[in-house]
Amino acid sequence: MNFLVPLYVHPAEDPGAWHRLIAAADRIHGVVLNPASGPGAAPDPAFVSAAGALRAAGIHVFGYVDTDYGERPPQDIAQEAARHRDWYGTDGCFLDRSPSGPAELPACRRLVRRIRRSGVPLAALNPGVHPAPGYLRTADLVVTFEGHWSTYVSAFSRPRWAARQPAGRLCHLVYGVPPALIPLAVRTARERGAGVSGPVTGELPNPWSELTPALSGSA
């Protein structure tokens, strides 16, 4: 199992978590860098250093950009992706709260092409649900579930088309997982066709402020 790691905590606040990412580099699909709900207004030296260490370890670094479900102007999104690239050397863009409906798909395709042409080759979409099938052909990775563990075990379902997709293109991000059940969460994601996952024990409002325990165990 490869892990997508959204680690939304400043490197100065928890340097140990960022160092542990380096030790687990061979198990990580990518790390989502989120200095200020996006790249921020200016480069943050601590994140510059952290991103450089991740890249040196061979880890893909995705810059966080909020799309507001396709409501934000594409030029604003593209500019933030470019700032991540210029300031932190990101090779991917994590488009959070991305749209999922068929009507928004053409605009999403144009946006991803624009970002790639700017020098950010990898694109991850996070609608948090199973989107229209075309989104899987638009991005390198699509988060088809983001939510609480209780929902994941009681109300998850997937359309037939999702079962035919390559596991490496699908990701499940699950928060609120009891620590003892982290290995189960990893196995469940695999059984549900997601080759990439990110189970964490944290809760809202920021469940991604701590590193997933899966990277320190045998999950």
N, C-alpha and C. Protein backbone atom coordinates (compact mmCIF):
# COMPACT_ATOMS: atom_id res chain seq x y z
N MET A 1 0.84 -1.20 0.00
CA MET A 1 0.00 0.00 0.00
C MET A 1 0.87 1.24 0.00
N ASN A 2 0.56 2.18 -0.86
CA ASN A 2 1.21 3.48 -0.87
C ASN A 2 0.32 4.49 -0.16
N PHE A 3 0.95 5.44 0.50
CA PHE A 3 0.20 6.39 1.31
C PHE A 3 0.30 7.79 0.74
N LEU A 4 -0.85 8.45 0.64
CA LEU A 4 -0.89 9.88 0.38
C LEU A 4 -0.97 10.55 1.74
N VAL A 5 -0.07 11.48 1.99
CA VAL A 5 0.05 12.06 3.32
C VAL A 5 -0.22 13.56 3.26
N PRO A 6 -1.45 13.98 3.54
CA PRO A 6 -1.68 15.41 3.77
C PRO A 6 -1.24 15.73 5.20
N LEU A 7 -0.14 16.46 5.34
CA LEU A 7 0.37 16.78 6.67
C LEU A 7 0.26 18.28 6.87
N TYR A 8 -0.87 18.69 7.48
CA TYR A 8 -1.18 20.11 7.60
C TYR A 8 -0.77 20.63 8.97
N VAL A 9 0.53 20.60 9.20
CA VAL A 9 1.11 21.13 10.42
C VAL A 9 2.45 21.77 10.04
N HIS A 10 2.78 22.87 10.67
CA HIS A 10 4.02 23.57 10.32
C HIS A 10 5.23 22.73 10.74
N PRO A 11 6.25 22.66 9.91
CA PRO A 11 7.43 21.86 10.26
C PRO A 11 8.08 22.27 11.57
N ALA A 12 7.96 23.53 11.96
CA ALA A 12 8.55 23.96 13.22
C ALA A 12 7.75 23.47 14.41
N GLU A 13 6.48 23.18 14.23
CA GLU A 13 5.63 22.71 15.32
C GLU A 13 5.80 21.22 15.57
N ASP A 14 6.06 20.44 14.52
CA ASP A 14 6.23 19.00 14.68
C ASP A 14 7.31 18.51 13.70
N PRO A 15 8.56 18.91 13.96
CA PRO A 15 9.62 18.50 13.03
C PRO A 15 9.80 16.99 12.96
N GLY A 16 9.48 16.30 14.05
CA GLY A 16 9.63 14.85 14.05
C GLY A 16 8.76 14.18 13.01
N ALA A 17 7.54 14.68 12.83
CA ALA A 17 6.64 14.09 11.84
C ALA A 17 7.23 14.22 10.44
N TRP A 18 7.80 15.38 10.13
CA TRP A 18 8.38 15.59 8.81
C TRP A 18 9.62 14.72 8.61
N HIS A 19 10.40 14.51 9.66
CA HIS A 19 11.57 13.65 9.54
C HIS A 19 11.15 12.19 9.33
N ARG A 20 10.05 11.78 9.97
CA ARG A 20 9.60 10.39 9.81
C ARG A 20 9.14 10.10 8.39
N LEU A 21 8.69 11.12 7.69
CA LEU A 21 8.32 10.92 6.29
C LEU A 21 9.52 10.45 5.47
N ILE A 22 10.69 11.02 5.76
CA ILE A 22 11.89 10.65 5.02
C ILE A 22 12.20 9.17 5.24
N ALA A 23 12.07 8.71 6.48
CA ALA A 23 12.37 7.32 6.79
C ALA A 23 11.41 6.36 6.11
N ALA A 24 10.21 6.83 5.81
CA ALA A 24 9.18 5.96 5.21
C ALA A 24 9.00 6.25 3.72
N ALA A 25 10.00 6.85 3.09
CA ALA A 25 9.86 7.33 1.71
C ALA A 25 9.41 6.24 0.75
N ASP A 26 9.86 5.00 0.97
CA ASP A 26 9.53 3.94 0.02
C ASP A 26 8.07 3.50 0.10
N ARG A 27 7.33 4.00 1.09
CA ARG A 27 5.93 3.63 1.24
C ARG A 27 4.98 4.78 0.92
N ILE A 28 5.54 5.90 0.47
CA ILE A 28 4.73 7.10 0.30
C ILE A 28 4.49 7.40 -1.18
N HIS A 29 3.23 7.53 -1.54
CA HIS A 29 2.87 7.96 -2.89
C HIS A 29 3.18 9.44 -3.08
N GLY A 30 2.89 10.24 -2.06
CA GLY A 30 3.16 11.66 -2.13
C GLY A 30 2.76 12.35 -0.85
N VAL A 31 3.28 13.55 -0.66
CA VAL A 31 2.96 14.38 0.51
C VAL A 31 2.31 15.65 0.01
N VAL A 32 1.20 16.03 0.64
CA VAL A 32 0.50 17.27 0.29
C VAL A 32 1.02 18.39 1.17
N LEU A 33 1.59 19.39 0.53
CA LEU A 33 2.17 20.55 1.23
C LEU A 33 1.11 21.65 1.28
N ASN A 34 0.86 22.17 2.49
CA ASN A 34 -0.21 23.15 2.65
C ASN A 34 0.22 24.23 3.65
N PRO A 35 1.07 25.17 3.23
CA PRO A 35 1.57 26.17 4.16
C PRO A 35 0.50 27.09 4.74
N ALA A 36 -0.51 27.49 3.93
CA ALA A 36 -1.48 28.48 4.41
C ALA A 36 -2.79 28.34 3.64
N SER A 37 -3.40 27.15 3.73
CA SER A 37 -4.57 26.85 2.90
C SER A 37 -4.26 27.15 1.44
N GLY A 38 -3.09 26.77 1.03
CA GLY A 38 -2.52 27.08 -0.27
C GLY A 38 -1.06 27.46 -0.08
N PRO A 39 -0.44 28.09 -1.06
CA PRO A 39 0.98 28.43 -0.93
C PRO A 39 1.28 29.58 -0.01
N GLY A 40 0.26 30.39 0.33
CA GLY A 40 0.49 31.57 1.16
C GLY A 40 0.88 32.77 0.32
N ALA A 41 1.17 33.86 1.01
CA ALA A 41 1.49 35.12 0.33
C ALA A 41 2.97 35.25 -0.01
N ALA A 42 3.80 34.44 0.63
CA ALA A 42 5.24 34.49 0.39
C ALA A 42 5.83 33.14 0.80
N PRO A 43 6.99 32.79 0.28
CA PRO A 43 7.60 31.51 0.65
C PRO A 43 7.87 31.42 2.15
N ASP A 44 7.58 30.26 2.72
CA ASP A 44 7.87 29.99 4.12
C ASP A 44 9.15 29.16 4.17
N PRO A 45 10.22 29.70 4.76
CA PRO A 45 11.50 28.98 4.74
C PRO A 45 11.42 27.57 5.33
N ALA A 46 10.60 27.36 6.34
CA ALA A 46 10.50 26.03 6.94
C ALA A 46 9.90 25.04 5.96
N PHE A 47 8.91 25.48 5.20
CA PHE A 47 8.31 24.59 4.20
C PHE A 47 9.24 24.41 3.00
N VAL A 48 10.01 25.43 2.66
CA VAL A 48 11.00 25.29 1.60
C VAL A 48 11.99 24.18 1.95
N SER A 49 12.46 24.21 3.20
CA SER A 49 13.41 23.19 3.65
C SER A 49 12.77 21.81 3.68
N ALA A 50 11.55 21.73 4.21
CA ALA A 50 10.86 20.44 4.30
C ALA A 50 10.61 19.86 2.92
N ALA A 51 10.15 20.70 1.99
CA ALA A 51 9.88 20.22 0.64
C ALA A 51 11.17 19.74 -0.04
N GLY A 52 12.25 20.45 0.18
CA GLY A 52 13.52 20.04 -0.40
C GLY A 52 13.98 18.69 0.13
N ALA A 53 13.78 18.45 1.43
CA ALA A 53 14.16 17.17 2.01
C ALA A 53 13.30 16.04 1.46
N LEU A 54 12.02 16.30 1.27
CA LEU A 54 11.13 15.29 0.70
C LEU A 54 11.55 14.94 -0.73
N ARG A 55 11.82 15.95 -1.52
CA ARG A 55 12.22 15.71 -2.91
C ARG A 55 13.54 14.94 -2.97
N ALA A 56 14.47 15.29 -2.08
CA ALA A 56 15.75 14.59 -2.05
C ALA A 56 15.59 13.12 -1.70
N ALA A 57 14.54 12.80 -0.96
CA ALA A 57 14.26 11.41 -0.59
C ALA A 57 13.47 10.68 -1.67
N GLY A 58 13.15 11.38 -2.76
CA GLY A 58 12.41 10.75 -3.85
C GLY A 58 10.91 10.76 -3.68
N ILE A 59 10.40 11.63 -2.82
CA ILE A 59 8.96 11.70 -2.54
C ILE A 59 8.33 12.79 -3.40
N HIS A 60 7.22 12.47 -4.05
CA HIS A 60 6.47 13.48 -4.79
C HIS A 60 5.85 14.48 -3.80
N VAL A 61 5.94 15.75 -4.14
CA VAL A 61 5.37 16.80 -3.32
C VAL A 61 4.24 17.47 -4.09
N PHE A 62 3.04 17.43 -3.51
CA PHE A 62 1.86 18.02 -4.11
C PHE A 62 1.52 19.32 -3.38
N GLY A 63 1.33 20.39 -4.12
CA GLY A 63 0.92 21.65 -3.52
C GLY A 63 -0.59 21.73 -3.39
N TYR A 64 -1.05 22.10 -2.21
CA TYR A 64 -2.49 22.16 -1.94
C TYR A 64 -3.10 23.42 -2.55
N VAL A 65 -4.20 23.22 -3.30
CA VAL A 65 -4.98 24.33 -3.83
C VAL A 65 -6.46 23.98 -3.69
N ASP A 66 -7.23 24.88 -3.12
CA ASP A 66 -8.66 24.68 -2.95
C ASP A 66 -9.38 25.18 -4.20
N THR A 67 -10.22 24.34 -4.81
CA THR A 67 -10.97 24.76 -6.00
C THR A 67 -12.39 25.21 -5.66
N ASP A 68 -12.83 25.00 -4.41
CA ASP A 68 -14.20 25.34 -4.01
C ASP A 68 -15.21 24.71 -4.97
N TYR A 69 -14.99 23.41 -5.26
CA TYR A 69 -15.89 22.63 -6.11
C TYR A 69 -16.07 23.27 -7.48
N GLY A 70 -15.00 23.87 -7.99
CA GLY A 70 -15.04 24.46 -9.31
C GLY A 70 -15.54 25.88 -9.35
N GLU A 71 -15.78 26.49 -8.19
CA GLU A 71 -16.31 27.86 -8.17
C GLU A 71 -15.22 28.93 -8.25
N ARG A 72 -14.00 28.59 -7.87
CA ARG A 72 -12.93 29.59 -7.93
C ARG A 72 -12.49 29.82 -9.37
N PRO A 73 -12.07 31.04 -9.72
CA PRO A 73 -11.59 31.30 -11.07
C PRO A 73 -10.38 30.42 -11.41
N PRO A 74 -10.38 29.82 -12.59
CA PRO A 74 -9.26 28.94 -12.96
C PRO A 74 -7.90 29.64 -12.90
N GLN A 75 -7.86 30.94 -13.24
CA GLN A 75 -6.57 31.63 -13.22
C GLN A 75 -6.02 31.74 -11.80
N ASP A 76 -6.90 31.88 -10.80
CA ASP A 76 -6.44 31.93 -9.41
C ASP A 76 -5.86 30.59 -8.99
N ILE A 77 -6.53 29.52 -9.38
CA ILE A 77 -6.05 28.17 -9.05
C ILE A 77 -4.70 27.91 -9.71
N ALA A 78 -4.60 28.25 -10.99
CA ALA A 78 -3.35 28.03 -11.71
C ALA A 78 -2.22 28.86 -11.12
N GLN A 79 -2.51 30.09 -10.70
CA GLN A 79 -1.48 30.93 -10.10
C GLN A 79 -0.98 30.34 -8.78
N GLU A 80 -1.88 29.79 -7.98
CA GLU A 80 -1.44 29.17 -6.72
C GLU A 80 -0.61 27.93 -6.99
N ALA A 81 -1.00 27.14 -7.99
CA ALA A 81 -0.21 25.96 -8.34
C ALA A 81 1.19 26.39 -8.78
N ALA A 82 1.28 27.50 -9.52
CA ALA A 82 2.57 27.99 -9.97
C ALA A 82 3.42 28.49 -8.81
N ARG A 83 2.79 29.12 -7.81
CA ARG A 83 3.56 29.58 -6.65
C ARG A 83 4.10 28.39 -5.87
N HIS A 84 3.32 27.34 -5.71
CA HIS A 84 3.84 26.12 -5.09
C HIS A 84 5.07 25.62 -5.85
N ARG A 85 4.98 25.60 -7.16
CA ARG A 85 6.09 25.12 -7.99
C ARG A 85 7.33 26.00 -7.81
N ASP A 86 7.13 27.32 -7.87
CA ASP A 86 8.26 28.23 -7.82
C ASP A 86 8.90 28.30 -6.44
N TRP A 87 8.09 28.26 -5.40
CA TRP A 87 8.60 28.44 -4.05
C TRP A 87 9.04 27.14 -3.39
N TYR A 88 8.33 26.04 -3.69
CA TYR A 88 8.59 24.79 -2.97
C TYR A 88 9.02 23.64 -3.88
N GLY A 89 9.11 23.91 -5.17
CA GLY A 89 9.58 22.87 -6.09
C GLY A 89 8.64 21.71 -6.24
N THR A 90 7.35 21.94 -6.06
CA THR A 90 6.38 20.85 -6.15
C THR A 90 6.34 20.28 -7.56
N ASP A 91 6.11 18.97 -7.64
CA ASP A 91 5.92 18.33 -8.95
C ASP A 91 4.49 17.86 -9.13
N GLY A 92 3.63 18.20 -8.16
CA GLY A 92 2.23 17.83 -8.25
C GLY A 92 1.34 18.90 -7.65
N CYS A 93 0.07 18.87 -8.03
CA CYS A 93 -0.92 19.79 -7.49
C CYS A 93 -2.07 18.97 -6.92
N PHE A 94 -2.43 19.23 -5.68
CA PHE A 94 -3.54 18.56 -5.02
C PHE A 94 -4.73 19.51 -5.04
N LEU A 95 -5.67 19.25 -5.94
CA LEU A 95 -6.82 20.12 -6.11
C LEU A 95 -7.93 19.65 -5.18
N ASP A 96 -8.03 20.32 -4.04
CA ASP A 96 -8.99 19.93 -3.02
C ASP A 96 -10.38 20.48 -3.36
N ARG A 97 -11.38 19.80 -2.82
CA ARG A 97 -12.77 20.16 -3.06
C ARG A 97 -13.01 20.38 -4.56
N SER A 98 -12.54 19.41 -5.32
CA SER A 98 -12.73 19.49 -6.77
C SER A 98 -14.14 19.05 -7.13
N PRO A 99 -14.65 19.49 -8.28
CA PRO A 99 -16.00 19.09 -8.68
C PRO A 99 -16.05 17.61 -9.01
N SER A 100 -17.25 17.08 -9.13
CA SER A 100 -17.41 15.65 -9.41
C SER A 100 -18.46 15.36 -10.47
N GLY A 101 -19.24 16.34 -10.86
CA GLY A 101 -20.33 16.10 -11.80
C GLY A 101 -19.89 16.15 -13.25
N PRO A 102 -20.66 15.53 -14.13
CA PRO A 102 -20.29 15.55 -15.56
C PRO A 102 -20.30 16.93 -16.17
N ALA A 103 -21.14 17.84 -15.69
CA ALA A 103 -21.21 19.18 -16.29
C ALA A 103 -19.92 19.96 -16.06
N GLU A 104 -19.23 19.71 -14.95
CA GLU A 104 -18.01 20.45 -14.62
C GLU A 104 -16.76 19.80 -15.18
N LEU A 105 -16.90 18.62 -15.76
CA LEU A 105 -15.73 17.87 -16.22
C LEU A 105 -14.92 18.61 -17.28
N PRO A 106 -15.52 19.19 -18.31
CA PRO A 106 -14.69 19.89 -19.32
C PRO A 106 -13.83 21.00 -18.73
N ALA A 107 -14.40 21.78 -17.80
CA ALA A 107 -13.62 22.86 -17.18
C ALA A 107 -12.49 22.29 -16.33
N CYS A 108 -12.74 21.18 -15.67
CA CYS A 108 -11.69 20.56 -14.86
C CYS A 108 -10.57 20.04 -15.75
N ARG A 109 -10.93 19.48 -16.88
CA ARG A 109 -9.90 19.01 -17.81
C ARG A 109 -9.04 20.17 -18.29
N ARG A 110 -9.66 21.28 -18.62
CA ARG A 110 -8.89 22.44 -19.08
C ARG A 110 -7.97 22.94 -17.98
N LEU A 111 -8.46 22.95 -16.75
CA LEU A 111 -7.65 23.42 -15.63
C LEU A 111 -6.43 22.53 -15.43
N VAL A 112 -6.63 21.22 -15.44
CA VAL A 112 -5.51 20.30 -15.24
C VAL A 112 -4.50 20.44 -16.38
N ARG A 113 -4.96 20.58 -17.61
CA ARG A 113 -4.02 20.78 -18.73
C ARG A 113 -3.23 22.07 -18.53
N ARG A 114 -3.90 23.11 -18.08
CA ARG A 114 -3.22 24.39 -17.85
C ARG A 114 -2.13 24.26 -16.80
N ILE A 115 -2.44 23.57 -15.72
CA ILE A 115 -1.47 23.39 -14.64
C ILE A 115 -0.29 22.56 -15.12
N ARG A 116 -0.56 21.51 -15.88
CA ARG A 116 0.53 20.67 -16.38
C ARG A 116 1.42 21.44 -17.34
N ARG A 117 0.83 22.25 -18.19
CA ARG A 117 1.63 23.03 -19.14
C ARG A 117 2.53 24.04 -18.42
N SER A 118 2.15 24.41 -17.20
CA SER A 118 2.95 25.37 -16.44
C SER A 118 4.16 24.74 -15.78
N GLY A 119 4.28 23.40 -15.89
CA GLY A 119 5.44 22.73 -15.31
C GLY A 119 5.15 21.95 -14.05
N VAL A 120 3.88 21.65 -13.79
CA VAL A 120 3.49 20.81 -12.66
C VAL A 120 2.87 19.54 -13.24
N PRO A 121 3.64 18.48 -13.42
CA PRO A 121 3.16 17.34 -14.22
C PRO A 121 2.10 16.46 -13.56
N LEU A 122 2.11 16.39 -12.24
CA LEU A 122 1.19 15.47 -11.56
C LEU A 122 -0.03 16.20 -11.02
N ALA A 123 -1.19 15.60 -11.19
CA ALA A 123 -2.43 16.21 -10.72
C ALA A 123 -3.23 15.20 -9.91
N ALA A 124 -3.62 15.60 -8.72
CA ALA A 124 -4.51 14.80 -7.88
C ALA A 124 -5.78 15.59 -7.64
N LEU A 125 -6.92 14.95 -7.82
CA LEU A 125 -8.22 15.58 -7.59
C LEU A 125 -8.83 15.00 -6.32
N ASN A 126 -9.44 15.86 -5.53
CA ASN A 126 -10.12 15.39 -4.32
C ASN A 126 -11.57 15.86 -4.29
N PRO A 127 -12.44 15.14 -5.02
CA PRO A 127 -13.87 15.42 -4.84
C PRO A 127 -14.41 14.80 -3.55
N GLY A 128 -13.67 13.81 -3.01
CA GLY A 128 -14.08 13.15 -1.77
C GLY A 128 -15.18 12.13 -1.96
N VAL A 129 -15.66 11.96 -3.19
CA VAL A 129 -16.69 10.99 -3.55
C VAL A 129 -16.31 10.42 -4.91
N HIS A 130 -17.04 9.39 -5.33
CA HIS A 130 -16.82 8.89 -6.68
C HIS A 130 -17.39 9.90 -7.68
N PRO A 131 -16.53 10.47 -8.53
CA PRO A 131 -17.01 11.45 -9.50
C PRO A 131 -17.51 10.76 -10.76
N ALA A 132 -17.91 11.55 -11.74
CA ALA A 132 -18.19 11.00 -13.06
C ALA A 132 -16.93 10.31 -13.58
N PRO A 133 -17.07 9.21 -14.31
CA PRO A 133 -15.88 8.41 -14.68
C PRO A 133 -14.80 9.19 -15.40
N GLY A 134 -15.14 10.22 -16.16
CA GLY A 134 -14.14 10.95 -16.91
C GLY A 134 -13.06 11.60 -16.08
N TYR A 135 -13.35 11.86 -14.81
CA TYR A 135 -12.34 12.48 -13.95
C TYR A 135 -11.13 11.57 -13.76
N LEU A 136 -11.36 10.27 -13.82
CA LEU A 136 -10.25 9.34 -13.65
C LEU A 136 -9.27 9.43 -14.81
N ARG A 137 -9.74 9.86 -15.97
CA ARG A 137 -8.85 10.01 -17.13
C ARG A 137 -8.23 11.40 -17.16
N THR A 138 -8.66 12.27 -16.28
CA THR A 138 -8.17 13.64 -16.24
C THR A 138 -6.94 13.78 -15.35
N ALA A 139 -6.92 13.05 -14.24
CA ALA A 139 -5.88 13.22 -13.23
C ALA A 139 -5.08 11.94 -13.05
N ASP A 140 -3.95 12.08 -12.36
CA ASP A 140 -3.12 10.92 -12.04
C ASP A 140 -3.66 10.16 -10.85
N LEU A 141 -4.35 10.88 -9.96
CA LEU A 141 -4.89 10.27 -8.75
C LEU A 141 -6.19 10.98 -8.41
N VAL A 142 -7.20 10.21 -7.99
CA VAL A 142 -8.48 10.78 -7.60
C VAL A 142 -8.88 10.22 -6.24
N VAL A 143 -9.16 11.12 -5.31
CA VAL A 143 -9.65 10.71 -3.99
C VAL A 143 -11.15 10.47 -4.11
N THR A 144 -11.54 9.20 -4.04
CA THR A 144 -12.95 8.85 -4.21
C THR A 144 -13.68 8.66 -2.89
N PHE A 145 -12.95 8.81 -1.80
CA PHE A 145 -13.60 8.89 -0.48
C PHE A 145 -12.74 9.75 0.43
N GLU A 146 -13.36 10.74 1.06
CA GLU A 146 -12.76 11.43 2.19
C GLU A 146 -13.86 11.59 3.24
N GLY A 147 -13.61 11.06 4.41
CA GLY A 147 -14.61 11.15 5.45
C GLY A 147 -14.21 10.39 6.69
N HIS A 148 -15.14 10.34 7.62
CA HIS A 148 -14.89 9.71 8.92
C HIS A 148 -14.93 8.19 8.82
N TRP A 149 -14.17 7.56 9.68
CA TRP A 149 -14.12 6.10 9.73
C TRP A 149 -15.51 5.49 9.90
N SER A 150 -16.34 6.10 10.74
CA SER A 150 -17.68 5.55 10.97
C SER A 150 -18.49 5.52 9.68
N THR A 151 -18.33 6.53 8.84
CA THR A 151 -19.01 6.54 7.55
C THR A 151 -18.39 5.53 6.60
N TYR A 152 -17.09 5.42 6.65
CA TYR A 152 -16.37 4.51 5.75
C TYR A 152 -16.81 3.06 5.97
N VAL A 153 -17.04 2.68 7.22
CA VAL A 153 -17.40 1.29 7.49
C VAL A 153 -18.89 1.03 7.36
N SER A 154 -19.71 2.09 7.39
CA SER A 154 -21.16 1.86 7.42
C SER A 154 -21.88 2.29 6.14
N ALA A 155 -21.30 3.23 5.39
CA ALA A 155 -22.08 3.80 4.28
C ALA A 155 -21.29 3.91 2.98
N PHE A 156 -20.13 3.29 2.89
CA PHE A 156 -19.35 3.37 1.67
C PHE A 156 -19.96 2.50 0.58
N SER A 157 -19.99 3.02 -0.62
CA SER A 157 -20.38 2.23 -1.79
C SER A 157 -19.60 2.74 -2.98
N ARG A 158 -19.43 1.91 -3.98
CA ARG A 158 -18.72 2.33 -5.18
C ARG A 158 -19.48 1.86 -6.41
N PRO A 159 -19.49 2.70 -7.43
CA PRO A 159 -20.15 2.30 -8.68
C PRO A 159 -19.38 1.19 -9.38
N ARG A 160 -20.05 0.51 -10.28
CA ARG A 160 -19.41 -0.62 -10.96
C ARG A 160 -18.16 -0.19 -11.73
N TRP A 161 -18.21 1.00 -12.33
CA TRP A 161 -17.07 1.41 -13.15
C TRP A 161 -15.81 1.55 -12.31
N ALA A 162 -15.97 1.92 -11.03
CA ALA A 162 -14.79 2.12 -10.17
C ALA A 162 -14.06 0.82 -9.91
N ALA A 163 -14.78 -0.28 -9.89
CA ALA A 163 -14.15 -1.57 -9.63
C ALA A 163 -13.23 -1.99 -10.77
N ARG A 164 -13.37 -1.36 -11.94
CA ARG A 164 -12.55 -1.72 -13.10
C ARG A 164 -11.36 -0.80 -13.27
N GLN A 165 -11.18 0.15 -12.37
CA GLN A 165 -10.09 1.11 -12.49
C GLN A 165 -8.79 0.58 -11.87
N PRO A 166 -7.64 1.01 -12.39
CA PRO A 166 -6.38 0.62 -11.75
C PRO A 166 -6.33 1.15 -10.32
N ALA A 167 -5.96 0.28 -9.39
CA ALA A 167 -5.96 0.66 -7.98
C ALA A 167 -5.07 1.87 -7.71
N GLY A 168 -3.99 1.99 -8.46
CA GLY A 168 -3.06 3.09 -8.22
C GLY A 168 -3.59 4.45 -8.57
N ARG A 169 -4.75 4.53 -9.22
CA ARG A 169 -5.35 5.81 -9.58
C ARG A 169 -6.36 6.27 -8.54
N LEU A 170 -6.69 5.42 -7.56
CA LEU A 170 -7.73 5.72 -6.59
C LEU A 170 -7.14 5.84 -5.19
N CYS A 171 -7.69 6.78 -4.41
CA CYS A 171 -7.20 7.02 -3.05
C CYS A 171 -8.39 7.20 -2.11
N HIS A 172 -8.26 6.66 -0.91
CA HIS A 172 -9.25 6.87 0.15
C HIS A 172 -8.56 7.55 1.32
N LEU A 173 -9.10 8.70 1.75
CA LEU A 173 -8.60 9.44 2.91
C LEU A 173 -9.63 9.31 4.02
N VAL A 174 -9.25 8.66 5.09
CA VAL A 174 -10.18 8.35 6.18
C VAL A 174 -9.62 8.91 7.48
N TYR A 175 -10.42 9.69 8.18
CA TYR A 175 -9.98 10.24 9.46
C TYR A 175 -10.83 9.67 10.59
N GLY A 176 -10.41 9.93 11.82
CA GLY A 176 -11.13 9.41 12.97
C GLY A 176 -11.02 7.90 13.14
N VAL A 177 -9.93 7.31 12.62
CA VAL A 177 -9.75 5.86 12.75
C VAL A 177 -9.16 5.55 14.13
N PRO A 178 -9.79 4.67 14.91
CA PRO A 178 -9.18 4.29 16.18
C PRO A 178 -7.78 3.74 15.93
N PRO A 179 -6.81 4.11 16.77
CA PRO A 179 -5.42 3.69 16.50
C PRO A 179 -5.26 2.19 16.25
N ALA A 180 -5.97 1.38 17.01
CA ALA A 180 -5.82 -0.07 16.84
C ALA A 180 -6.37 -0.58 15.51
N LEU A 181 -7.19 0.24 14.85
CA LEU A 181 -7.83 -0.19 13.61
C LEU A 181 -7.16 0.39 12.35
N ILE A 182 -6.03 1.07 12.52
CA ILE A 182 -5.33 1.60 11.35
C ILE A 182 -4.98 0.50 10.35
N PRO A 183 -4.42 -0.65 10.78
CA PRO A 183 -4.15 -1.71 9.79
C PRO A 183 -5.41 -2.18 9.07
N LEU A 184 -6.54 -2.23 9.79
CA LEU A 184 -7.80 -2.61 9.16
C LEU A 184 -8.22 -1.58 8.13
N ALA A 185 -8.02 -0.30 8.42
CA ALA A 185 -8.38 0.74 7.47
C ALA A 185 -7.57 0.61 6.19
N VAL A 186 -6.29 0.27 6.31
CA VAL A 186 -5.44 0.08 5.13
C VAL A 186 -5.93 -1.11 4.32
N ARG A 187 -6.23 -2.22 4.99
CA ARG A 187 -6.71 -3.41 4.28
C ARG A 187 -8.05 -3.14 3.61
N THR A 188 -8.91 -2.39 4.31
CA THR A 188 -10.23 -2.10 3.75
C THR A 188 -10.11 -1.27 2.48
N ALA A 189 -9.23 -0.28 2.48
CA ALA A 189 -9.01 0.51 1.27
C ALA A 189 -8.55 -0.38 0.12
N ARG A 190 -7.64 -1.27 0.42
CA ARG A 190 -7.12 -2.17 -0.63
C ARG A 190 -8.25 -3.06 -1.16
N GLU A 191 -9.05 -3.60 -0.27
CA GLU A 191 -10.16 -4.46 -0.69
C GLU A 191 -11.20 -3.71 -1.50
N ARG A 192 -11.29 -2.41 -1.28
CA ARG A 192 -12.26 -1.59 -2.00
C ARG A 192 -11.67 -0.95 -3.25
N GLY A 193 -10.52 -1.42 -3.63
CA GLY A 193 -9.95 -1.03 -4.92
C GLY A 193 -9.07 0.19 -4.92
N ALA A 194 -8.73 0.74 -3.75
CA ALA A 194 -7.87 1.92 -3.68
C ALA A 194 -6.44 1.48 -3.37
N GLY A 195 -5.54 1.75 -4.30
CA GLY A 195 -4.14 1.40 -4.08
C GLY A 195 -3.38 2.43 -3.27
N VAL A 196 -4.01 3.57 -3.03
CA VAL A 196 -3.40 4.64 -2.23
C VAL A 196 -4.39 5.00 -1.13
N SER A 197 -3.89 5.18 0.08
CA SER A 197 -4.77 5.56 1.18
C SER A 197 -4.06 6.48 2.14
N GLY A 198 -4.85 7.04 3.07
CA GLY A 198 -4.28 7.95 4.07
C GLY A 198 -5.09 7.92 5.34
N PRO A 199 -5.08 6.81 6.09
CA PRO A 199 -5.85 6.73 7.33
C PRO A 199 -5.17 7.48 8.46
N VAL A 200 -5.92 8.32 9.17
CA VAL A 200 -5.37 9.06 10.31
C VAL A 200 -6.33 8.94 11.49
N THR A 201 -5.80 9.18 12.67
CA THR A 201 -6.61 9.07 13.88
C THR A 201 -7.26 10.40 14.25
N GLY A 202 -6.82 11.50 13.64
CA GLY A 202 -7.32 12.82 14.00
C GLY A 202 -8.77 13.05 13.65
N GLU A 203 -9.33 14.08 14.23
CA GLU A 203 -10.72 14.46 14.02
C GLU A 203 -10.77 15.88 13.49
N LEU A 204 -11.94 16.26 12.99
CA LEU A 204 -12.15 17.63 12.56
C LEU A 204 -11.93 18.60 13.72
N PRO A 205 -11.48 19.83 13.47
CA PRO A 205 -11.45 20.52 12.18
C PRO A 205 -10.21 20.25 11.32
N ASN A 206 -9.15 19.68 11.89
CA ASN A 206 -7.96 19.40 11.09
C ASN A 206 -7.43 18.01 11.43
N PRO A 207 -8.04 16.98 10.86
CA PRO A 207 -7.57 15.63 11.16
C PRO A 207 -6.19 15.33 10.58
N TRP A 208 -5.70 16.20 9.71
CA TRP A 208 -4.42 15.96 9.03
C TRP A 208 -3.26 16.66 9.73
N SER A 209 -3.41 17.01 10.98
CA SER A 209 -2.34 17.71 11.70
C SER A 209 -1.30 16.75 12.28
N GLU A 210 -1.57 15.45 12.19
CA GLU A 210 -0.62 14.46 12.69
C GLU A 210 -0.36 13.42 11.61
N LEU A 211 0.81 12.82 11.66
CA LEU A 211 1.19 11.81 10.69
C LEU A 211 0.38 10.54 10.88
N THR A 212 0.03 9.88 9.79
CA THR A 212 -0.67 8.62 9.90
C THR A 212 0.18 7.57 10.63
N PRO A 213 -0.38 6.86 11.61
CA PRO A 213 0.38 5.82 12.29
C PRO A 213 0.76 4.66 11.37
N ALA A 214 0.13 4.57 10.21
CA ALA A 214 0.43 3.48 9.29
C ALA A 214 1.88 3.49 8.84
N LEU A 215 2.51 4.67 8.85
CA LEU A 215 3.90 4.74 8.39
C LEU A 215 4.89 4.25 9.42
N SER A 216 4.45 4.08 10.65
CA SER A 216 5.35 3.58 11.68
C SER A 216 5.07 2.14 12.04
N GLY A 217 4.06 1.53 11.38
CA GLY A 217 3.72 0.14 11.64
C GLY A 217 3.92 -0.72 10.41
N SER A 218 3.27 -1.86 10.42
CA SER A 218 3.39 -2.82 9.32
C SER A 218 2.17 -2.83 8.43
N ALA A 219 1.30 -1.82 8.55
CA ALA A 219 0.07 -1.80 7.77
C ALA A 219 0.36 -1.77 6.27
